[in-house]
């Protein structure tokens, strides 16, 4: 089957559809795996289930953006990823997209610490009918207008809150408004106005700054989509120690993400750097030679190079391999000093460092030959 062009103006794009489903059209023709945030991949789909195993009666259903829930499937109902289903909600029913079934869903529930036996899971009513889909699409199209109007109302009421997103329930009887605020907000008057304007049940949910960035989305400094918008499902605490141990400059403008907090990717290689630095000596230890004393300025962890400069000559950087540094420190412990540290430095590494810092035009000023 020919792959269809993704319509980014499609109102259901953030719910996992490359085009708007119409009538009794097969959902596989409109569903597009990978075009939505936090898409799920069933890596067990091609593995046959053993005869002694029962078919798992729970499925994972996704809604707008990253909201996902587990539901129980009625007996003798066969679902597959990409099916649009009507599920139980409070009140009424909601419309969602099946993302995981079978053993993959069982493993996902175990990761989320949800017991499929003891947990009181909501149930799936049926596959969505054409009338359900038509009403759902109509409700989704109202979301963009609703968020703009709500922002105008909050501005008129002078509420200290920022409205980020709105999600209408599939049957059009309920709307969830997501907002961020620094302090506690009294939005009782806001709820009354919204209920009168939209004629639906209103629910307000406060989210954090990182959750706001994940819902809004965007492009990071690396040129790729934000991690929180694509695959991150939980947020770990990020500290400046993670940046310091990776030899990064503590510049808030470079280390902060679009949410204004430290980038989540600082934690990705933290353990690798922490393990690699165990082989390096303390950077507070200085190297002593007959020419003078040198202090550590920078560490290249994976090349195994430590950059030193003389105390009386801070402009001259020396790239000394790790094994040579340990050799010099061993000599210093025994009371011996080498003639000069230049005998242990790598000339080519030193030159490339200067080129990256000052450029080739000014390299002649730092020529050590």
Protein backbone atom coordinates (compact mmCIF):
# COMPACT_ATOMS: atom_id res chain seq x y z
CA UNK A 1 0.00 0.00 0.00
CA UNK A 2 1.34 3.41 -0.93
CA UNK A 3 2.37 5.52 2.04
CA UNK A 4 0.15 8.55 2.44
CA UNK A 5 1.31 12.09 2.95
CA UNK A 6 1.02 13.30 6.55
CA UNK A 7 -1.37 16.23 6.96
CA UNK A 8 0.09 18.37 9.77
CA UNK A 9 -3.02 20.59 9.78
CA UNK A 10 -5.11 17.57 10.71
CA UNK A 11 -6.75 18.25 14.11
CA UNK A 12 -6.12 14.62 15.14
CA UNK A 13 -2.39 14.77 14.39
CA UNK A 14 -1.40 14.87 18.08
CA UNK A 15 -3.62 11.86 18.71
CA UNK A 16 -1.69 9.63 16.29
CA UNK A 17 -3.40 10.15 12.93
CA UNK A 18 -1.77 11.26 9.69
CA UNK A 19 -5.20 12.10 8.26
CA UNK A 20 -8.72 12.53 9.55
CA UNK A 21 -10.70 9.25 9.65
CA UNK A 22 -14.05 9.41 7.89
CA UNK A 23 -17.04 7.09 8.12
CA UNK A 24 -16.26 3.39 8.19
CA UNK A 25 -12.78 3.90 6.76
CA UNK A 26 -10.19 1.48 8.13
CA UNK A 27 -8.19 3.05 10.94
CA UNK A 28 -5.03 1.55 9.49
CA UNK A 29 -5.37 3.91 6.55
CA UNK A 30 -5.51 6.95 8.83
CA UNK A 31 -3.34 5.81 11.74
CA UNK A 32 0.34 6.70 11.35
CA UNK A 33 2.76 5.12 13.80
CA UNK A 34 5.48 7.57 14.78
CA UNK A 35 3.67 10.81 13.93
CA UNK A 36 2.50 11.47 17.50
CA UNK A 37 4.14 12.12 20.84
CA UNK A 38 5.18 9.10 22.90
CA UNK A 39 4.23 6.62 20.22
CA UNK A 40 4.29 2.95 21.27
CA UNK A 41 6.00 0.17 19.32
CA UNK A 42 4.77 -3.38 19.83
CA UNK A 43 8.04 -5.31 19.59
CA UNK A 44 6.25 -8.59 20.43
CA UNK A 45 3.71 -8.35 17.60
CA UNK A 46 5.54 -10.86 15.35
CA UNK A 47 6.11 -13.44 18.12
CA UNK A 48 3.36 -16.10 18.29
CA UNK A 49 1.72 -16.68 21.67
CA UNK A 50 2.16 -20.12 23.22
CA UNK A 51 -0.98 -22.28 23.38
CA UNK A 52 -0.90 -22.52 27.18
CA UNK A 53 -1.04 -18.73 27.58
CA UNK A 54 -4.35 -16.92 27.78
CA UNK A 55 -4.97 -13.89 25.62
CA UNK A 56 -4.36 -10.80 27.74
CA UNK A 57 -7.62 -8.94 28.31
CA UNK A 58 -6.16 -5.43 28.75
CA UNK A 59 -5.02 -2.88 26.19
CA UNK A 60 -3.28 0.49 26.29
CA UNK A 61 -5.26 3.40 24.81
CA UNK A 62 -3.81 6.80 24.06
CA UNK A 63 -5.59 10.11 23.90
CA UNK A 64 -4.23 13.59 23.23
CA UNK A 65 -0.46 14.11 23.49
CA UNK A 66 1.01 11.89 26.21
CA UNK A 67 -2.15 10.84 28.08
CA UNK A 68 -2.44 7.06 28.12
CA UNK A 69 -4.56 4.70 30.17
CA UNK A 70 -5.16 0.95 30.47
CA UNK A 71 -8.60 -0.53 29.80
CA UNK A 72 -10.17 -3.97 30.08
CA UNK A 73 -11.43 -5.57 26.89
CA UNK A 74 -14.85 -7.25 26.86
CA UNK A 75 -14.92 -11.02 26.16
CA UNK A 76 -14.89 -12.12 22.51
CA UNK A 77 -13.72 -8.67 21.38
CA UNK A 78 -10.58 -8.67 19.27
CA UNK A 79 -8.68 -5.39 18.98
CA UNK A 80 -5.48 -4.46 17.21
CA UNK A 81 -3.19 -1.41 17.37
CA UNK A 82 -4.70 1.48 15.46
CA UNK A 83 -8.34 0.72 16.27
CA UNK A 84 -10.46 3.65 17.40
CA UNK A 85 -12.48 2.62 20.45
CA UNK A 86 -15.14 4.08 22.74
CA UNK A 87 -14.05 3.73 26.36
CA UNK A 88 -15.60 4.35 29.75
CA UNK A 89 -15.22 7.86 31.15
CA UNK A 90 -16.58 9.89 34.04
CA UNK A 91 -19.10 10.99 32.92
CA UNK A 92 -20.06 9.57 29.52
CA UNK A 93 -17.55 7.98 27.17
CA UNK A 94 -14.30 8.98 25.52
CA UNK A 95 -12.69 8.08 22.20
CA UNK A 96 -9.12 6.83 22.01
CA UNK A 97 -6.62 4.92 19.92
CA UNK A 98 -5.40 1.42 20.80
CA UNK A 99 -1.59 1.44 20.98
CA UNK A 100 -0.55 -1.79 22.75
CA UNK A 101 -2.19 -5.18 23.08
CA UNK A 102 -1.27 -8.64 24.35
CA UNK A 103 2.02 -9.37 26.11
CA UNK A 104 3.48 -5.98 25.22
CA UNK A 105 0.65 -4.35 27.18
CA UNK A 106 1.22 -6.76 30.09
CA UNK A 107 4.88 -5.72 30.27
CA UNK A 108 3.95 -2.04 30.02
CA UNK A 109 1.50 -2.40 32.91
CA UNK A 110 4.21 -4.08 34.98
CA UNK A 111 6.55 -1.16 34.25
CA UNK A 112 3.87 1.27 35.38
CA UNK A 113 3.19 -0.92 38.46
CA UNK A 114 -0.43 -1.56 37.52
CA UNK A 115 -1.81 -4.94 38.61
CA UNK A 116 -4.18 -6.21 35.87
CA UNK A 117 -5.97 -8.46 38.39
CA UNK A 118 -6.47 -6.18 41.39
CA UNK A 119 -6.64 -2.80 39.68
CA UNK A 120 -10.08 -1.38 38.98
CA UNK A 121 -9.66 -0.68 35.29
CA UNK A 122 -12.23 1.06 33.18
CA UNK A 123 -13.65 -0.96 30.30
CA UNK A 124 -13.86 -0.58 26.55
CA UNK A 125 -17.41 -0.33 25.29
CA UNK A 126 -16.90 -1.07 21.59
CA UNK A 127 -15.12 -0.06 18.45
CA UNK A 128 -16.04 3.50 17.62
CA UNK A 129 -18.96 3.86 15.23
CA UNK A 130 -19.00 6.41 12.38
CA UNK A 131 -21.32 8.62 14.45
CA UNK A 132 -18.89 8.45 17.41
CA UNK A 133 -15.94 9.42 15.21
CA UNK A 134 -17.87 12.28 13.60
CA UNK A 135 -18.81 13.73 17.01
CA UNK A 136 -15.26 13.22 18.27
CA UNK A 137 -13.71 15.06 15.31
CA UNK A 138 -16.18 17.92 15.79
CA UNK A 139 -15.16 18.25 19.46
CA UNK A 140 -11.45 18.16 18.62
CA UNK A 141 -11.83 20.98 16.09
CA UNK A 142 -13.25 23.20 18.86
CA UNK A 143 -10.10 22.86 20.98
CA UNK A 144 -8.06 25.52 19.18
CA UNK A 145 -10.86 28.08 19.46
CA UNK A 146 -11.46 27.13 23.10
CA UNK A 147 -7.85 27.64 24.18
CA UNK A 148 -7.67 31.09 22.56
CA UNK A 149 -10.93 32.17 24.14
CA UNK A 150 -9.90 30.81 27.54
CA UNK A 151 -6.63 32.77 27.47
CA UNK A 152 -8.60 35.94 26.81
CA UNK A 153 -10.91 35.20 29.74
CA UNK A 154 -8.01 34.52 32.15
CA UNK A 155 -6.38 37.76 31.05
CA UNK A 156 -9.58 39.72 31.70
CA UNK A 157 -9.91 38.12 35.14
CA UNK A 158 -6.23 38.94 35.84
CA UNK A 159 -5.47 35.42 37.01
CA UNK A 160 -1.83 34.51 37.57
CA UNK A 161 -1.96 31.39 35.43
CA UNK A 162 -0.95 30.33 31.94
CA UNK A 163 -3.35 28.18 29.95
CA UNK A 164 -1.34 25.61 27.99
CA UNK A 165 -3.72 23.15 26.41
CA UNK A 166 -7.29 21.89 26.34
CA UNK A 167 -8.60 18.40 25.65
CA UNK A 168 -12.26 17.73 24.87
CA UNK A 169 -13.74 14.35 25.73
CA UNK A 170 -14.84 12.21 22.82
CA UNK A 171 -18.55 12.63 23.48
CA UNK A 172 -18.20 16.40 23.87
CA UNK A 173 -19.53 16.51 27.46
CA UNK A 174 -16.29 17.35 29.27
CA UNK A 175 -13.16 19.44 28.73
CA UNK A 176 -9.83 19.24 30.57
CA UNK A 177 -7.85 22.50 30.77
CA UNK A 178 -4.12 22.23 31.50
CA UNK A 179 -2.42 25.23 33.06
CA UNK A 180 0.75 26.31 34.85
CA UNK A 181 0.95 28.79 37.73
CA UNK A 182 3.61 29.92 40.19
CA UNK A 183 1.18 30.40 43.06
CA UNK A 184 -2.18 29.03 44.07
CA UNK A 185 -4.98 30.31 41.83
CA UNK A 186 -8.66 30.76 42.70
CA UNK A 187 -10.33 29.81 39.40
CA UNK A 188 -13.88 29.28 40.65
CA UNK A 189 -15.12 32.29 38.69
CA UNK A 190 -13.22 31.06 35.63
CA UNK A 191 -14.94 27.66 35.77
CA UNK A 192 -18.36 29.32 35.87
CA UNK A 193 -17.57 31.44 32.80
CA UNK A 194 -16.11 28.48 30.87
CA UNK A 195 -19.11 26.28 31.68
CA UNK A 196 -21.47 28.99 30.39
CA UNK A 197 -19.47 29.52 27.19
CA UNK A 198 -18.77 25.91 26.19
CA UNK A 199 -21.73 24.14 27.82
CA UNK A 200 -19.55 21.26 29.04
CA UNK A 201 -18.22 19.98 32.33
CA UNK A 202 -14.93 21.73 33.17
CA UNK A 203 -11.90 20.11 34.80
CA UNK A 204 -8.73 22.07 35.63
CA UNK A 205 -5.34 20.31 35.85
CA UNK A 206 -2.15 22.00 36.93
CA UNK A 207 1.05 20.76 35.31
CA UNK A 208 4.72 21.56 35.84
CA UNK A 209 7.02 23.53 33.57
CA UNK A 210 8.60 20.38 32.17
CA UNK A 211 5.16 18.90 31.45
CA UNK A 212 4.24 22.13 29.70
CA UNK A 213 7.20 21.82 27.35
CA UNK A 214 6.31 18.19 26.63
CA UNK A 215 2.75 19.14 25.65
CA UNK A 216 3.70 22.18 23.58
CA UNK A 217 6.67 20.49 21.87
CA UNK A 218 9.47 22.11 19.89
CA UNK A 219 13.01 21.72 18.58
CA UNK A 220 15.96 21.52 20.96
CA UNK A 221 19.43 23.01 20.54
CA UNK A 222 20.57 19.66 19.12
CA UNK A 223 18.23 20.13 16.15
CA UNK A 224 15.93 17.26 17.11
CA UNK A 225 12.46 17.21 18.65
CA UNK A 226 12.33 17.65 22.40
CA UNK A 227 12.95 14.40 24.27
CA UNK A 228 9.99 15.08 26.56
CA UNK A 229 7.74 15.34 23.49
CA UNK A 230 8.90 12.11 21.86
CA UNK A 231 9.90 9.37 24.31
CA UNK A 232 10.42 10.60 27.89
CA UNK A 233 7.59 9.52 30.17
CA UNK A 234 9.10 10.49 33.53
CA UNK A 235 11.30 13.36 34.59
CA UNK A 236 14.37 12.84 36.76
CA UNK A 237 15.95 15.59 38.83
CA UNK A 238 18.79 17.32 36.96
CA UNK A 239 21.49 19.07 39.01
CA UNK A 240 24.44 21.26 38.11
CA UNK A 241 26.70 18.45 39.34
CA UNK A 242 25.75 16.49 36.20
CA UNK A 243 27.06 19.36 34.06
CA UNK A 244 30.13 19.87 36.20
CA UNK A 245 31.17 16.23 36.05
CA UNK A 246 30.89 16.31 32.22
CA UNK A 247 33.28 19.28 32.07
CA UNK A 248 30.58 21.61 30.75
CA UNK A 249 30.60 25.35 31.24
CA UNK A 250 28.04 26.37 33.87
CA UNK A 251 26.30 28.77 31.52
CA UNK A 252 22.54 28.85 32.26
CA UNK A 253 21.71 29.95 28.71
CA UNK A 254 23.38 26.85 27.24
CA UNK A 255 22.39 24.32 29.88
CA UNK A 256 18.72 25.31 30.14
CA UNK A 257 16.08 23.79 27.89
CA UNK A 258 12.95 25.39 26.51
CA UNK A 259 11.23 24.86 29.85
CA UNK A 260 13.82 27.10 31.53
CA UNK A 261 15.22 24.26 33.64
CA UNK A 262 18.37 22.18 33.16
CA UNK A 263 18.20 19.93 30.11
CA UNK A 264 17.10 16.36 30.73
CA UNK A 265 19.86 15.08 28.43
CA UNK A 266 22.48 16.05 31.01
CA UNK A 267 21.54 12.83 32.81
CA UNK A 268 21.99 10.58 29.77
CA UNK A 269 25.79 10.21 30.01
CA UNK A 270 26.21 11.15 33.65
CA UNK A 271 26.94 7.60 34.85
CA UNK A 272 29.42 7.02 31.99
CA UNK A 273 31.41 10.13 32.89
CA UNK A 274 31.24 9.32 36.59
CA UNK A 275 32.66 5.85 35.96
CA UNK A 276 35.35 7.10 33.55
CA UNK A 277 36.55 9.82 35.96
CA UNK A 278 37.46 7.19 38.53
CA UNK A 279 40.64 6.52 36.51
CA UNK A 280 41.69 10.20 36.66
CA UNK A 281 43.62 11.76 39.55
CA UNK A 282 42.18 14.63 41.59
CA UNK A 283 42.16 17.81 39.48
CA UNK A 284 43.22 19.77 42.56
CA UNK A 285 46.63 18.08 42.43
CA UNK A 286 49.21 20.19 40.63
CA UNK A 287 52.16 18.97 38.56
CA UNK A 288 55.58 20.18 39.70
CA UNK A 289 58.52 20.57 37.37
CA UNK A 290 61.83 22.48 37.41
CA UNK A 291 60.24 25.01 35.05
CA UNK A 292 57.33 25.67 37.40
CA UNK A 293 54.11 24.37 38.90
CA UNK A 294 51.08 23.62 36.65
CA UNK A 295 47.40 23.27 37.50
CA UNK A 296 44.66 21.34 35.71
CA UNK A 297 42.35 23.45 33.54
CA UNK A 298 40.30 20.86 31.64
CA UNK A 299 39.82 17.10 31.22
CA UNK A 300 39.03 15.25 28.00
CA UNK A 301 37.54 12.13 29.53
CA UNK A 302 37.27 9.84 26.51
CA UNK A 303 40.58 10.82 24.92
CA UNK A 304 42.31 10.37 28.27
CA UNK A 305 43.96 13.80 28.18
CA UNK A 306 44.34 16.40 30.94
CA UNK A 307 45.04 20.03 30.06
CA UNK A 308 47.51 21.88 32.29
CA UNK A 309 48.94 25.39 32.36
CA UNK A 310 51.79 26.88 34.36
CA UNK A 311 50.81 29.10 37.25
CA UNK A 312 53.01 31.89 35.90
CA UNK A 313 51.89 31.33 32.27
CA UNK A 314 48.11 30.78 32.09
CA UNK A 315 48.00 31.26 28.30
CA UNK A 316 50.09 28.19 27.50
CA UNK A 317 47.96 25.00 27.65
CA UNK A 318 49.60 21.59 27.64
CA UNK A 319 47.73 18.42 26.58
CA UNK A 320 49.22 15.67 28.74
CA UNK A 321 48.00 12.05 28.44
CA UNK A 322 46.60 10.41 31.56
CA UNK A 323 49.40 7.87 31.89
CA UNK A 324 51.99 10.66 31.71
CA UNK A 325 50.13 12.65 34.36
CA UNK A 326 50.23 9.67 36.70
CA UNK A 327 53.92 9.24 35.94
CA UNK A 328 54.67 12.88 36.83
CA UNK A 329 52.59 12.66 40.04
CA UNK A 330 54.49 9.51 41.00
CA UNK A 331 57.76 11.37 40.46
CA UNK A 332 56.54 14.29 42.60
CA UNK A 333 55.60 11.92 45.42
CA UNK A 334 59.18 10.61 45.40
CA UNK A 335 60.55 14.15 45.52
CA UNK A 336 61.69 14.28 41.89
CA UNK A 337 60.72 16.86 39.26
CA UNK A 338 60.98 16.61 35.47
CA UNK A 339 62.78 19.35 33.55
CA UNK A 340 59.59 20.67 31.89
CA UNK A 341 56.07 19.45 31.20
CA UNK A 342 56.34 20.17 27.47
CA UNK A 343 58.30 16.91 27.12
CA UNK A 344 55.16 14.97 28.10
CA UNK A 345 52.55 16.98 26.13
CA UNK A 346 50.99 16.07 22.80
CA UNK A 347 51.72 18.76 20.22
CA UNK A 348 48.90 17.86 17.83
CA UNK A 349 46.26 17.90 20.57
CA UNK A 350 47.60 21.21 21.83
CA UNK A 351 47.36 22.76 18.37
CA UNK A 352 43.79 21.53 17.77
CA UNK A 353 42.74 22.98 21.13
CA UNK A 354 44.13 26.38 20.23
CA UNK A 355 42.38 26.29 16.86
CA UNK A 356 39.02 25.63 18.51
CA UNK A 357 39.51 28.45 21.02
CA UNK A 358 41.22 31.29 19.13
CA UNK A 359 41.09 30.24 15.45
CA UNK A 360 43.87 29.55 12.99
CA UNK A 361 44.65 33.23 12.37
CA UNK A 362 45.77 33.78 15.97
CA UNK A 363 47.42 30.37 16.37
CA UNK A 364 50.87 31.86 15.70
CA UNK A 365 50.66 33.73 19.01
CA UNK A 366 50.48 30.40 20.88
CA UNK A 367 53.09 28.51 18.87
CA UNK A 368 55.18 26.50 21.35
CA UNK A 369 57.91 25.46 18.92
